[in-house]
C-alpha cells in the first residue's frame, strides 16, 4: 500500500497572535482576546480563533498541492487551542483523482495529544 503525501508543522501561538488575528478578521469575541472574560468560561483562558488554525492548515494544503483551489471544507473544534502551547498541524492527502484530492486535516496539542481541530477538504487540482 502506498503512503499518501502528508505534511506536518509545529506552531505555538502567543496572545498577541490572537489579538492581531482579531484585528485583521474583525472577530473580537472576548473568548479570544479578553483574558479576564475567558477566565470565567469553561476554557479558563483565551482560545485561538478556529480560522487562525485553518489558515495554518491552508498553508500546508498549498504546499501539498501548489495552486490547488479548495472547493469544500468541513472542520470541527473538539477542544480549545491555547496560547503558549506547542501544536502540531497535519494535512494528509487521503485520496486523489484526476481533477481533485481529498485532504484530512488535524491540529493536535504536542504535550498530551489532544485534537483541537479536525476535518477534511476537497482541493481541485
PDB file of N, CA and C in Angstrom:
ATOM      1  N   UNK A   1       0.839  -1.175   0.000  1.00  0.00           N
ATOM      2  CA  UNK A   1       0.000   0.000   0.000  1.00  0.00           C
ATOM      3  C   UNK A   1       0.890   1.247   0.000  1.00  0.00           C
ATOM      4  N   UNK A   2       0.618   2.188  -0.874  1.00  0.00           N
ATOM      5  CA  UNK A   2       1.382   3.416  -0.993  1.00  0.00           C
ATOM      6  C   UNK A   2       0.942   4.412   0.073  1.00  0.00           C
ATOM      7  N   UNK A   3       1.926   5.010   0.753  1.00  0.00           N
ATOM      8  CA  UNK A   3       1.598   6.018   1.752  1.00  0.00           C
ATOM      9  C   UNK A   3       1.245   7.324   1.047  1.00  0.00           C
ATOM     10  N   UNK A   4       0.161   7.952   1.493  1.00  0.00           N
ATOM     11  CA  UNK A   4      -0.298   9.202   0.887  1.00  0.00           C
ATOM     12  C   UNK A   4       0.567  10.357   1.377  1.00  0.00           C
ATOM     13  N   UNK A   5       0.719  11.383   0.544  1.00  0.00           N
ATOM     14  CA  UNK A   5       1.518  12.550   0.945  1.00  0.00           C
ATOM     15  C   UNK A   5       0.937  13.216   2.194  1.00  0.00           C
ATOM     16  N   UNK A   6       1.858  13.657   3.071  1.00  0.00           N
ATOM     17  CA  UNK A   6       1.464  14.280   4.335  1.00  0.00           C
ATOM     18  C   UNK A   6       2.487  15.354   4.681  1.00  0.00           C
ATOM     19  N   UNK A   7       1.998  16.449   5.226  1.00  0.00           N
ATOM     20  CA  UNK A   7       2.875  17.492   5.738  1.00  0.00           C
ATOM     21  C   UNK A   7       2.461  17.835   7.160  1.00  0.00           C
ATOM     22  N   UNK A   8       3.443  18.068   7.999  1.00  0.00           N
ATOM     23  CA  UNK A   8       3.209  18.452   9.384  1.00  0.00           C
ATOM     24  C   UNK A   8       4.125  19.611   9.733  1.00  0.00           C
ATOM     25  N   UNK A   9       3.600  20.537  10.509  1.00  0.00           N
ATOM     26  CA  UNK A   9       4.406  21.625  11.052  1.00  0.00           C
ATOM     27  C   UNK A   9       3.977  21.849  12.490  1.00  0.00           C
ATOM     28  N   UNK A  10       4.866  22.397  13.277  1.00  0.00           N
ATOM     29  CA  UNK A  10       4.541  22.722  14.661  1.00  0.00           C
ATOM     30  C   UNK A  10       4.552  24.230  14.827  1.00  0.00           C
ATOM     31  N   UNK A  11       3.647  24.693  15.659  1.00  0.00           N
ATOM     32  CA  UNK A  11       3.499  26.134  15.869  1.00  0.00           C
ATOM     33  C   UNK A  11       2.967  26.364  17.269  1.00  0.00           C
ATOM     34  N   UNK A  12       3.427  27.437  17.901  1.00  0.00           N
ATOM     35  CA  UNK A  12       2.908  27.876  19.183  1.00  0.00           C
ATOM     36  C   UNK A  12       2.486  29.333  19.015  1.00  0.00           C
ATOM     37  N   UNK A  13       1.244  29.628  19.337  1.00  0.00           N
ATOM     38  CA  UNK A  13       0.735  30.993  19.232  1.00  0.00           C
ATOM     39  C   UNK A  13       0.903  31.725  20.558  1.00  0.00           C
ATOM     40  N   UNK A  14       1.022  33.024  20.479  1.00  0.00           N
ATOM     41  CA  UNK A  14       1.043  33.909  21.642  1.00  0.00           C
ATOM     42  C   UNK A  14      -0.302  34.641  21.699  1.00  0.00           C
ATOM     43  N   UNK A  15      -0.607  35.207  22.853  1.00  0.00           N
ATOM     44  CA  UNK A  15      -1.822  36.011  22.950  1.00  0.00           C
ATOM     45  C   UNK A  15      -1.793  37.142  21.934  1.00  0.00           C
ATOM     46  N   UNK A  16      -0.627  37.700  21.684  1.00  0.00           N
ATOM     47  CA  UNK A  16      -0.510  38.771  20.687  1.00  0.00           C
ATOM     48  C   UNK A  16      -0.950  38.295  19.303  1.00  0.00           C
ATOM     49  N   UNK A  17      -0.733  37.019  18.981  1.00  0.00           N
ATOM     50  CA  UNK A  17      -1.195  36.471  17.697  1.00  0.00           C
ATOM     51  C   UNK A  17      -2.722  36.456  17.647  1.00  0.00           C
ATOM     52  N   UNK A  18      -3.363  36.053  18.751  1.00  0.00           N
ATOM     53  CA  UNK A  18      -4.824  36.059  18.806  1.00  0.00           C
ATOM     54  C   UNK A  18      -5.348  37.484  18.630  1.00  0.00           C
ATOM     55  N   UNK A  19      -4.676  38.426  19.289  1.00  0.00           N
ATOM     56  CA  UNK A  19      -5.096  39.827  19.218  1.00  0.00           C
ATOM     57  C   UNK A  19      -4.953  40.366  17.792  1.00  0.00           C
ATOM     58  N   UNK A  20      -3.833  40.059  17.131  1.00  0.00           N
ATOM     59  CA  UNK A  20      -3.624  40.510  15.746  1.00  0.00           C
ATOM     60  C   UNK A  20      -4.643  39.883  14.805  1.00  0.00           C
ATOM     61  N   UNK A  21      -4.921  38.600  14.985  1.00  0.00           N
ATOM     62  CA  UNK A  21      -5.900  37.943  14.119  1.00  0.00           C
ATOM     63  C   UNK A  21      -7.281  38.569  14.323  1.00  0.00           C
ATOM     64  N   UNK A  22      -7.603  38.914  15.568  1.00  0.00           N
ATOM     65  CA  UNK A  22      -8.891  39.571  15.842  1.00  0.00           C
ATOM     66  C   UNK A  22      -8.982  40.900  15.102  1.00  0.00           C
ATOM     67  N   UNK A  23      -7.901  41.670  15.120  1.00  0.00           N
ATOM     68  CA  UNK A  23      -7.914  42.957  14.406  1.00  0.00           C
ATOM     69  C   UNK A  23      -8.036  42.752  12.901  1.00  0.00           C
ATOM     70  N   UNK A  24      -7.310  41.784  12.356  1.00  0.00           N
ATOM     71  CA  UNK A  24      -7.352  41.517  10.912  1.00  0.00           C
ATOM     72  C   UNK A  24      -8.705  40.992  10.459  1.00  0.00           C
ATOM     73  N   UNK A  25      -9.283  40.093  11.247  1.00  0.00           N
ATOM     74  CA  UNK A  25     -10.528  39.424  10.838  1.00  0.00           C
ATOM     75  C   UNK A  25     -11.776  40.188  11.259  1.00  0.00           C
ATOM     76  N   UNK A  26     -11.645  41.026  12.271  1.00  0.00           N
ATOM     77  CA  UNK A  26     -12.823  41.687  12.820  1.00  0.00           C
ATOM     78  C   UNK A  26     -13.550  40.842  13.852  1.00  0.00           C
ATOM     79  N   UNK A  27     -13.052  39.638  14.141  1.00  0.00           N
ATOM     80  CA  UNK A  27     -13.670  38.745  15.122  1.00  0.00           C
ATOM     81  C   UNK A  27     -13.055  39.045  16.491  1.00  0.00           C
ATOM     82  N   UNK A  28     -13.709  39.925  17.229  1.00  0.00           N
ATOM     83  CA  UNK A  28     -13.194  40.323  18.540  1.00  0.00           C
ATOM     84  C   UNK A  28     -13.976  39.668  19.684  1.00  0.00           C
ATOM     85  N   UNK A  29     -14.441  38.455  19.460  1.00  0.00           N
ATOM     86  CA  UNK A  29     -15.115  37.698  20.513  1.00  0.00           C
ATOM     87  C   UNK A  29     -14.188  37.661  21.729  1.00  0.00           C
ATOM     88  N   UNK A  30     -14.683  38.005  22.908  1.00  0.00           N
ATOM     89  CA  UNK A  30     -13.807  38.070  24.079  1.00  0.00           C
ATOM     90  C   UNK A  30     -13.168  36.740  24.470  1.00  0.00           C
ATOM     91  N   UNK A  31     -13.694  35.613  24.030  1.00  0.00           N
ATOM     92  CA  UNK A  31     -13.058  34.329  24.336  1.00  0.00           C
ATOM     93  C   UNK A  31     -11.658  34.253  23.723  1.00  0.00           C
ATOM     94  N   UNK A  32     -11.416  35.062  22.690  1.00  0.00           N
ATOM     95  CA  UNK A  32     -10.118  35.067  22.019  1.00  0.00           C
ATOM     96  C   UNK A  32      -9.166  36.141  22.538  1.00  0.00           C
ATOM     97  N   UNK A  33      -9.726  37.258  23.017  1.00  0.00           N
ATOM     98  CA  UNK A  33      -8.852  38.411  23.280  1.00  0.00           C
ATOM     99  C   UNK A  33      -8.942  39.003  24.684  1.00  0.00           C
ATOM    100  N   UNK A  34      -9.863  38.544  25.502  1.00  0.00           N
ATOM    101  CA  UNK A  34     -10.044  39.133  26.830  1.00  0.00           C
ATOM    102  C   UNK A  34      -9.750  38.083  27.908  1.00  0.00           C
ATOM    103  N   UNK A  35      -8.528  38.099  28.459  1.00  0.00           N
ATOM    104  CA  UNK A  35      -8.166  37.088  29.461  1.00  0.00           C
ATOM    105  C   UNK A  35      -9.082  37.074  30.687  1.00  0.00           C
ATOM    106  N   UNK A  36      -9.561  38.241  31.121  1.00  0.00           N
ATOM    107  CA  UNK A  36     -10.452  38.267  32.280  1.00  0.00           C
ATOM    108  C   UNK A  36     -11.781  37.585  31.965  1.00  0.00           C
ATOM    109  N   UNK A  37     -12.354  37.902  30.821  1.00  0.00           N
ATOM    110  CA  UNK A  37     -13.595  37.247  30.404  1.00  0.00           C
ATOM    111  C   UNK A  37     -13.366  35.742  30.246  1.00  0.00           C
ATOM    112  N   UNK A  38     -12.317  35.378  29.524  1.00  0.00           N
ATOM    113  CA  UNK A  38     -12.051  33.966  29.236  1.00  0.00           C
ATOM    114  C   UNK A  38     -11.829  33.158  30.513  1.00  0.00           C
ATOM    115  N   UNK A  39     -11.263  33.796  31.544  1.00  0.00           N
ATOM    116  CA  UNK A  39     -11.038  33.095  32.811  1.00  0.00           C
ATOM    117  C   UNK A  39     -12.345  32.635  33.446  1.00  0.00           C
ATOM    118  N   UNK A  40     -13.442  33.294  33.116  1.00  0.00           N
ATOM    119  CA  UNK A  40     -14.743  32.930  33.697  1.00  0.00           C
ATOM    120  C   UNK A  40     -15.506  31.902  32.860  1.00  0.00           C
ATOM    121  N   UNK A  41     -14.912  31.448  31.752  1.00  0.00           N
ATOM    122  CA  UNK A  41     -15.568  30.460  30.888  1.00  0.00           C
ATOM    123  C   UNK A  41     -15.073  29.055  31.211  1.00  0.00           C
ATOM    124  N   UNK A  42     -15.675  28.076  30.573  1.00  0.00           N
ATOM    125  CA  UNK A  42     -15.257  26.680  30.808  1.00  0.00           C
ATOM    126  C   UNK A  42     -13.831  26.429  30.335  1.00  0.00           C
ATOM    127  N   UNK A  43     -13.311  27.277  29.431  1.00  0.00           N
ATOM    128  CA  UNK A  43     -11.939  27.112  28.961  1.00  0.00           C
ATOM    129  C   UNK A  43     -10.929  27.634  29.980  1.00  0.00           C
ATOM    130  N   UNK A  44     -11.314  28.656  30.734  1.00  0.00           N
ATOM    131  CA  UNK A  44     -10.437  29.197  31.755  1.00  0.00           C
ATOM    132  C   UNK A  44      -9.385  30.174  31.263  1.00  0.00           C
ATOM    133  N   UNK A  45      -9.227  30.268  29.966  1.00  0.00           N
ATOM    134  CA  UNK A  45      -8.274  31.208  29.366  1.00  0.00           C
ATOM    135  C   UNK A  45      -8.636  31.413  27.905  1.00  0.00           C
ATOM    136  N   UNK A  46      -7.995  32.380  27.278  1.00  0.00           N
ATOM    137  CA  UNK A  46      -8.332  32.668  25.885  1.00  0.00           C
ATOM    138  C   UNK A  46      -7.972  31.486  24.990  1.00  0.00           C
ATOM    139  N   UNK A  47      -8.723  31.374  23.906  1.00  0.00           N
ATOM    140  CA  UNK A  47      -8.537  30.292  22.938  1.00  0.00           C
ATOM    141  C   UNK A  47      -8.388  30.887  21.543  1.00  0.00           C
ATOM    142  N   UNK A  48      -7.658  30.182  20.709  1.00  0.00           N
ATOM    143  CA  UNK A  48      -7.422  30.628  19.337  1.00  0.00           C
ATOM    144  C   UNK A  48      -8.712  30.675  18.535  1.00  0.00           C
ATOM    145  N   UNK A  49      -8.758  31.573  17.582  1.00  0.00           N
ATOM    146  CA  UNK A  49      -9.828  31.586  16.583  1.00  0.00           C
ATOM    147  C   UNK A  49      -9.698  30.300  15.754  1.00  0.00           C
ATOM    148  N   UNK A  50     -10.811  29.666  15.475  1.00  0.00           N
ATOM    149  CA  UNK A  50     -10.779  28.468  14.632  1.00  0.00           C
ATOM    150  C   UNK A  50     -10.183  28.744  13.258  1.00  0.00           C
ATOM    151  N   UNK A  51     -10.496  29.905  12.703  1.00  0.00           N
ATOM    152  CA  UNK A  51      -9.978  30.210  11.365  1.00  0.00           C
ATOM    153  C   UNK A  51      -8.491  30.525  11.368  1.00  0.00           C
ATOM    154  N   UNK A  52      -7.934  30.890  12.518  1.00  0.00           N
ATOM    155  CA  UNK A  52      -6.477  31.027  12.610  1.00  0.00           C
ATOM    156  C   UNK A  52      -5.834  29.656  12.408  1.00  0.00           C
ATOM    157  N   UNK A  53      -6.401  28.645  13.041  1.00  0.00           N
ATOM    158  CA  UNK A  53      -5.896  27.279  12.860  1.00  0.00           C
ATOM    159  C   UNK A  53      -6.063  26.837  11.407  1.00  0.00           C
ATOM    160  N   UNK A  54      -7.224  27.124  10.835  1.00  0.00           N
ATOM    161  CA  UNK A  54      -7.489  26.736   9.446  1.00  0.00           C
ATOM    162  C   UNK A  54      -6.536  27.434   8.479  1.00  0.00           C
ATOM    163  N   UNK A  55      -6.104  28.631   8.823  1.00  0.00           N
ATOM    164  CA  UNK A  55      -5.165  29.347   7.960  1.00  0.00           C
ATOM    165  C   UNK A  55      -3.819  28.631   7.906  1.00  0.00           C
ATOM    166  N   UNK A  56      -3.365  28.123   9.036  1.00  0.00           N
ATOM    167  CA  UNK A  56      -2.111  27.356   9.046  1.00  0.00           C
ATOM    168  C   UNK A  56      -2.286  26.076   8.234  1.00  0.00           C
ATOM    169  N   UNK A  57      -3.427  25.411   8.420  1.00  0.00           N
ATOM    170  CA  UNK A  57      -3.696  24.196   7.644  1.00  0.00           C
ATOM    171  C   UNK A  57      -3.745  24.500   6.143  1.00  0.00           C
ATOM    172  N   UNK A  58      -4.328  25.642   5.775  1.00  0.00           N
ATOM    173  CA  UNK A  58      -4.403  26.015   4.359  1.00  0.00           C
ATOM    174  C   UNK A  58      -3.007  26.184   3.776  1.00  0.00           C
ATOM    175  N   UNK A  59      -2.083  26.703   4.580  1.00  0.00           N
ATOM    176  CA  UNK A  59      -0.699  26.807   4.129  1.00  0.00           C
ATOM    177  C   UNK A  59      -0.088  25.448   3.834  1.00  0.00           C
ATOM    178  N   UNK A  60      -0.409  24.445   4.655  1.00  0.00           N
ATOM    179  CA  UNK A  60       0.078  23.087   4.395  1.00  0.00           C
ATOM    180  C   UNK A  60      -0.544  22.522   3.120  1.00  0.00           C
ATOM    181  N   UNK A  61      -1.834  22.795   2.927  1.00  0.00           N
ATOM    182  CA  UNK A  61      -2.510  22.325   1.713  1.00  0.00           C
ATOM    183  C   UNK A  61      -1.842  22.912   0.479  1.00  0.00           C
ATOM    184  N   UNK A  62      -1.492  24.182   0.527  1.00  0.00           N
ATOM    185  CA  UNK A  62      -0.823  24.829  -0.608  1.00  0.00           C
ATOM    186  C   UNK A  62       0.521  24.173  -0.895  1.00  0.00           C
ATOM    187  N   UNK A  63       1.225  23.763   0.140  1.00  0.00           N
ATOM    188  CA  UNK A  63       2.493  23.068  -0.067  1.00  0.00           C
ATOM    189  C   UNK A  63       2.285  21.680  -0.678  1.00  0.00           C
ATOM    190  N   UNK A  64       1.219  20.996  -0.247  1.00  0.00           N
ATOM    191  CA  UNK A  64       0.919  19.662  -0.788  1.00  0.00           C
ATOM    192  C   UNK A  64       0.476  19.734  -2.245  1.00  0.00           C
ATOM    193  N   UNK A  65      -0.393  20.698  -2.555  1.00  0.00           N
ATOM    194  CA  UNK A  65      -0.985  20.815  -3.888  1.00  0.00           C
ATOM    195  C   UNK A  65      -0.882  22.275  -4.358  1.00  0.00           C
ATOM    196  N   UNK A  66       0.313  22.705  -4.752  1.00  0.00           N
ATOM    197  CA  UNK A  66       0.511  24.109  -5.128  1.00  0.00           C
ATOM    198  C   UNK A  66      -0.490  24.564  -6.193  1.00  0.00           C
ATOM    199  N   UNK A  67      -1.127  25.696  -5.929  1.00  0.00           N
ATOM    200  CA  UNK A  67      -2.082  26.256  -6.873  1.00  0.00           C
ATOM    201  C   UNK A  67      -3.450  25.619  -6.838  1.00  0.00           C
ATOM    202  N   UNK A  68      -3.640  24.607  -5.991  1.00  0.00           N
ATOM    203  CA  UNK A  68      -4.946  23.952  -5.891  1.00  0.00           C
ATOM    204  C   UNK A  68      -5.982  24.907  -5.324  1.00  0.00           C
ATOM    205  N   UNK A  69      -7.224  24.722  -5.748  1.00  0.00           N
ATOM    206  CA  UNK A  69      -8.330  25.564  -5.283  1.00  0.00           C
ATOM    207  C   UNK A  69      -9.212  24.742  -4.352  1.00  0.00           C
ATOM    208  N   UNK A  70      -9.341  25.207  -3.110  1.00  0.00           N
ATOM    209  CA  UNK A  70     -10.191  24.491  -2.159  1.00  0.00           C
ATOM    210  C   UNK A  70     -11.647  24.708  -2.539  1.00  0.00           C
ATOM    211  N   UNK A  71     -12.367  23.630  -2.781  1.00  0.00           N
ATOM    212  CA  UNK A  71     -13.769  23.743  -3.174  1.00  0.00           C
ATOM    213  C   UNK A  71     -14.723  23.414  -2.031  1.00  0.00           C
ATOM    214  N   UNK A  72     -14.214  22.779  -1.003  1.00  0.00           N
ATOM    215  CA  UNK A  72     -15.071  22.359   0.108  1.00  0.00           C
ATOM    216  C   UNK A  72     -14.201  22.129   1.334  1.00  0.00           C
ATOM    217  N   UNK A  73     -14.736  22.482   2.515  1.00  0.00           N
ATOM    218  CA  UNK A  73     -14.013  22.234   3.757  1.00  0.00           C
ATOM    219  C   UNK A  73     -15.012  22.032   4.876  1.00  0.00           C
ATOM    220  N   UNK A  74     -14.708  21.084   5.749  1.00  0.00           N
ATOM    221  CA  UNK A  74     -15.526  20.830   6.921  1.00  0.00           C
ATOM    222  C   UNK A  74     -14.576  20.611   8.095  1.00  0.00           C
ATOM    223  N   UNK A  75     -14.737  21.407   9.148  1.00  0.00           N
ATOM    224  CA  UNK A  75     -13.877  21.254  10.321  1.00  0.00           C
ATOM    225  C   UNK A  75     -14.707  21.309  11.595  1.00  0.00           C
ATOM    226  N   UNK A  76     -14.172  20.684  12.639  1.00  0.00           N
ATOM    227  CA  UNK A  76     -14.757  20.711  13.978  1.00  0.00           C
ATOM    228  C   UNK A  76     -13.650  21.113  14.938  1.00  0.00           C
ATOM    229  N   UNK A  77     -14.045  21.652  16.078  1.00  0.00           N
ATOM    230  CA  UNK A  77     -13.097  22.085  17.090  1.00  0.00           C
ATOM    231  C   UNK A  77     -13.460  21.409  18.416  1.00  0.00           C
ATOM    232  N   UNK A  78     -13.028  20.154  18.609  1.00  0.00           N
ATOM    233  CA  UNK A  78     -13.430  19.404  19.791  1.00  0.00           C
ATOM    234  C   UNK A  78     -12.806  19.884  21.101  1.00  0.00           C
ATOM    235  N   UNK A  79     -11.754  20.685  21.023  1.00  0.00           N
ATOM    236  CA  UNK A  79     -11.103  21.221  22.220  1.00  0.00           C
ATOM    237  C   UNK A  79     -10.451  22.547  21.847  1.00  0.00           C
ATOM    238  N   UNK A  80     -10.231  23.408  22.827  1.00  0.00           N
ATOM    239  CA  UNK A  80      -9.615  24.700  22.519  1.00  0.00           C
ATOM    240  C   UNK A  80      -8.113  24.593  22.274  1.00  0.00           C
ATOM    241  N   UNK A  81      -7.609  25.560  21.521  1.00  0.00           N
ATOM    242  CA  UNK A  81      -6.175  25.739  21.327  1.00  0.00           C
ATOM    243  C   UNK A  81      -5.799  26.991  22.101  1.00  0.00           C
ATOM    244  N   UNK A  82      -4.870  26.843  23.034  1.00  0.00           N
ATOM    245  CA  UNK A  82      -4.482  27.950  23.900  1.00  0.00           C
ATOM    246  C   UNK A  82      -3.158  28.566  23.463  1.00  0.00           C
ATOM    247  N   UNK A  83      -2.924  29.770  23.920  1.00  0.00           N
ATOM    248  CA  UNK A  83      -1.635  30.425  23.687  1.00  0.00           C
ATOM    249  C   UNK A  83      -0.538  29.664  24.437  1.00  0.00           C
ATOM    250  N   UNK A  84       0.652  29.747  23.889  1.00  0.00           N
ATOM    251  CA  UNK A  84       1.859  29.192  24.520  1.00  0.00           C
ATOM    252  C   UNK A  84       1.862  27.667  24.639  1.00  0.00           C
ATOM    253  N   UNK A  85       1.064  26.995  23.818  1.00  0.00           N
ATOM    254  CA  UNK A  85       1.107  25.533  23.767  1.00  0.00           C
ATOM    255  C   UNK A  85       1.580  25.122  22.377  1.00  0.00           C
ATOM    256  N   UNK A  86       2.551  24.223  22.333  1.00  0.00           N
ATOM    257  CA  UNK A  86       3.045  23.753  21.050  1.00  0.00           C
ATOM    258  C   UNK A  86       1.999  22.859  20.402  1.00  0.00           C
ATOM    259  N   UNK A  87       1.645  23.207  19.157  1.00  0.00           N
ATOM    260  CA  UNK A  87       0.618  22.492  18.412  1.00  0.00           C
ATOM    261  C   UNK A  87       1.235  21.855  17.175  1.00  0.00           C
ATOM    262  N   UNK A  88       0.716  20.702  16.794  1.00  0.00           N
ATOM    263  CA  UNK A  88       1.124  20.014  15.571  1.00  0.00           C
ATOM    264  C   UNK A  88      -0.021  20.118  14.566  1.00  0.00           C
ATOM    265  N   UNK A  89       0.275  20.654  13.393  1.00  0.00           N
ATOM    266  CA  UNK A  89      -0.692  20.821  12.310  1.00  0.00           C
ATOM    267  C   UNK A  89      -0.353  19.803  11.227  1.00  0.00           C
ATOM    268  N   UNK A  90      -1.336  19.015  10.792  1.00  0.00           N
ATOM    269  CA  UNK A  90      -1.096  17.983   9.782  1.00  0.00           C
ATOM    270  C   UNK A  90      -2.161  18.029   8.700  1.00  0.00           C
ATOM    271  N   UNK A  91      -1.710  17.948   7.463  1.00  0.00           N
ATOM    272  CA  UNK A  91      -2.597  17.804   6.299  1.00  0.00           C
ATOM    273  C   UNK A  91      -2.124  16.564   5.546  1.00  0.00           C
ATOM    274  N   UNK A  92      -3.047  15.632   5.304  1.00  0.00           N
ATOM    275  CA  UNK A  92      -2.724  14.369   4.649  1.00  0.00           C
ATOM    276  C   UNK A  92      -3.644  14.154   3.459  1.00  0.00           C
ATOM    277  N   UNK A  93      -3.081  13.900   2.298  1.00  0.00           N
ATOM    278  CA  UNK A  93      -3.903  13.552   1.141  1.00  0.00           C
ATOM    279  C   UNK A  93      -4.471  12.162   1.402  1.00  0.00           C
ATOM    280  N   UNK A  94      -5.797  12.078   1.504  1.00  0.00           N
ATOM    281  CA  UNK A  94      -6.429  10.783   1.790  1.00  0.00           C
ATOM    282  C   UNK A  94      -6.855  10.065   0.515  1.00  0.00           C
ATOM    283  N   UNK A  95      -7.112  10.825  -0.551  1.00  0.00           N
ATOM    284  CA  UNK A  95      -7.392  10.226  -1.859  1.00  0.00           C
ATOM    285  C   UNK A  95      -7.158  11.285  -2.921  1.00  0.00           C
ATOM    286  N   UNK A  96      -6.772  10.836  -4.084  1.00  0.00           N
ATOM    287  CA  UNK A  96      -6.503  11.774  -5.175  1.00  0.00           C
ATOM    288  C   UNK A  96      -7.045  11.203  -6.479  1.00  0.00           C
ATOM    289  N   UNK A  97      -7.770  12.047  -7.212  1.00  0.00           N
ATOM    290  CA  UNK A  97      -8.284  11.672  -8.522  1.00  0.00           C
ATOM    291  C   UNK A  97      -7.600  12.501  -9.590  1.00  0.00           C
ATOM    292  N   UNK A  98      -8.155  12.463 -10.797  1.00  0.00           N
ATOM    293  CA  UNK A  98      -7.578  13.223 -11.901  1.00  0.00           C
ATOM    294  C   UNK A  98      -7.724  14.728 -11.721  1.00  0.00           C
ATOM    295  N   UNK A  99      -8.799  15.160 -11.087  1.00  0.00           N
ATOM    296  CA  UNK A  99      -9.061  16.597 -11.009  1.00  0.00           C
ATOM    297  C   UNK A  99      -9.201  17.141  -9.593  1.00  0.00           C
ATOM    298  N   UNK A 100      -9.175  16.269  -8.574  1.00  0.00           N
ATOM    299  CA  UNK A 100      -9.266  16.777  -7.218  1.00  0.00           C
ATOM    300  C   UNK A 100      -8.622  15.809  -6.231  1.00  0.00           C
ATOM    301  N   UNK A 101      -8.475  16.287  -5.010  1.00  0.00           N
ATOM    302  CA  UNK A 101      -7.898  15.470  -3.940  1.00  0.00           C
ATOM    303  C   UNK A 101      -8.665  15.740  -2.662  1.00  0.00           C
ATOM    304  N   UNK A 102      -8.793  14.724  -1.851  1.00  0.00           N
ATOM    305  CA  UNK A 102      -9.387  14.836  -0.522  1.00  0.00           C
ATOM    306  C   UNK A 102      -8.238  14.903   0.478  1.00  0.00           C
ATOM    307  N   UNK A 103      -8.331  15.846   1.410  1.00  0.00           N
ATOM    308  CA  UNK A 103      -7.263  16.035   2.380  1.00  0.00           C
ATOM    309  C   UNK A 103      -7.856  15.993   3.780  1.00  0.00           C
ATOM    310  N   UNK A 104      -7.225  15.216   4.644  1.00  0.00           N
ATOM    311  CA  UNK A 104      -7.602  15.131   6.046  1.00  0.00           C
ATOM    312  C   UNK A 104      -6.777  16.153   6.818  1.00  0.00           C
ATOM    313  N   UNK A 105      -7.437  16.885   7.717  1.00  0.00           N
ATOM    314  CA  UNK A 105      -6.804  17.964   8.467  1.00  0.00           C
ATOM    315  C   UNK A 105      -6.856  17.666   9.959  1.00  0.00           C
ATOM    316  N   UNK A 106      -5.777  18.036  10.669  1.00  0.00           N
ATOM    317  CA  UNK A 106      -5.775  17.815  12.113  1.00  0.00           C
ATOM    318  C   UNK A 106      -4.815  18.776  12.796  1.00  0.00           C
ATOM    319  N   UNK A 107      -5.259  19.274  13.954  1.00  0.00           N
ATOM    320  CA  UNK A 107      -4.411  20.062  14.844  1.00  0.00           C
ATOM    321  C   UNK A 107      -4.448  19.358  16.192  1.00  0.00           C
ATOM    322  N   UNK A 108      -3.269  19.157  16.764  1.00  0.00           N
ATOM    323  CA  UNK A 108      -3.173  18.369  17.995  1.00  0.00           C
ATOM    324  C   UNK A 108      -2.154  19.033  18.940  1.00  0.00           C
ATOM    325  N   UNK A 109      -2.471  19.032  20.236  1.00  0.00           N
ATOM    326  CA  UNK A 109      -1.506  19.506  21.228  1.00  0.00           C
ATOM    327  C   UNK A 109      -0.351  18.513  21.303  1.00  0.00           C
ATOM    328  N   UNK A 110       0.861  19.011  21.210  1.00  0.00           N
ATOM    329  CA  UNK A 110       2.028  18.141  21.267  1.00  0.00           C
ATOM    330  C   UNK A 110       2.159  17.521  22.662  1.00  0.00           C
ATOM    331  N   UNK A 111       1.901  18.289  23.713  1.00  0.00           N
ATOM    332  CA  UNK A 111       2.117  17.819  25.085  1.00  0.00           C
ATOM    333  C   UNK A 111       1.282  16.601  25.452  1.00  0.00           C
ATOM    334  N   UNK A 112       0.000  16.591  25.072  1.00  0.00           N
ATOM    335  CA  UNK A 112      -0.859  15.489  25.512  1.00  0.00           C
ATOM    336  C   UNK A 112      -1.633  14.796  24.387  1.00  0.00           C
ATOM    337  N   UNK A 113      -1.436  15.250  23.144  1.00  0.00           N
ATOM    338  CA  UNK A 113      -2.079  14.597  22.006  1.00  0.00           C
ATOM    339  C   UNK A 113      -3.531  14.975  21.776  1.00  0.00           C
ATOM    340  N   UNK A 114      -4.078  15.896  22.551  1.00  0.00           N
ATOM    341  CA  UNK A 114      -5.470  16.300  22.388  1.00  0.00           C
ATOM    342  C   UNK A 114      -5.681  16.930  21.019  1.00  0.00           C
ATOM    343  N   UNK A 115      -6.681  16.449  20.301  1.00  0.00           N
ATOM    344  CA  UNK A 115      -7.044  17.026  19.000  1.00  0.00           C
ATOM    345  C   UNK A 115      -7.908  18.245  19.249  1.00  0.00           C
ATOM    346  N   UNK A 116      -7.483  19.400  18.697  1.00  0.00           N
ATOM    347  CA  UNK A 116      -8.242  20.640  18.882  1.00  0.00           C
ATOM    348  C   UNK A 116      -8.975  21.073  17.617  1.00  0.00           C
ATOM    349  N   UNK A 117      -8.606  20.507  16.492  1.00  0.00           N
ATOM    350  CA  UNK A 117      -9.276  20.783  15.226  1.00  0.00           C
ATOM    351  C   UNK A 117      -9.117  19.569  14.343  1.00  0.00           C
ATOM    352  N   UNK A 118     -10.202  19.160  13.691  1.00  0.00           N
ATOM    353  CA  UNK A 118     -10.107  18.047  12.752  1.00  0.00           C
ATOM    354  C   UNK A 118     -11.139  18.267  11.658  1.00  0.00           C
ATOM    355  N   UNK A 119     -10.828  17.727  10.512  1.00  0.00           N
ATOM    356  CA  UNK A 119     -11.760  17.863   9.404  1.00  0.00           C
ATOM    357  C   UNK A 119     -11.174  17.353   8.115  1.00  0.00           C
ATOM    358  N   UNK A 120     -11.786  17.797   7.026  1.00  0.00           N
ATOM    359  CA  UNK A 120     -11.307  17.401   5.706  1.00  0.00           C
ATOM    360  C   UNK A 120     -11.690  18.477   4.702  1.00  0.00           C
ATOM    361  N   UNK A 121     -11.074  18.387   3.554  1.00  0.00           N
ATOM    362  CA  UNK A 121     -11.400  19.335   2.490  1.00  0.00           C
ATOM    363  C   UNK A 121     -11.182  18.659   1.139  1.00  0.00           C
ATOM    364  N   UNK A 122     -11.741  19.294   0.127  1.00  0.00           N
ATOM    365  CA  UNK A 122     -11.538  18.874  -1.257  1.00  0.00           C
ATOM    366  C   UNK A 122     -10.812  20.001  -1.956  1.00  0.00           C
ATOM    367  N   UNK A 123      -9.764  19.632  -2.678  1.00  0.00           N
ATOM    368  CA  UNK A 123      -8.978  20.604  -3.430  1.00  0.00           C
ATOM    369  C   UNK A 123      -9.021  20.225  -4.900  1.00  0.00           C
ATOM    370  N   UNK A 124      -9.444  21.162  -5.732  1.00  0.00           N
ATOM    371  CA  UNK A 124      -9.451  20.960  -7.185  1.00  0.00           C
ATOM    372  C   UNK A 124      -8.045  21.236  -7.681  1.00  0.00           C
ATOM    373  N   UNK A 125      -7.504  20.285  -8.423  1.00  0.00           N
ATOM    374  CA  UNK A 125      -6.111  20.419  -8.895  1.00  0.00           C
ATOM    375  C   UNK A 125      -6.052  20.768 -10.372  1.00  0.00           C
TER     376      UNK A 125
END
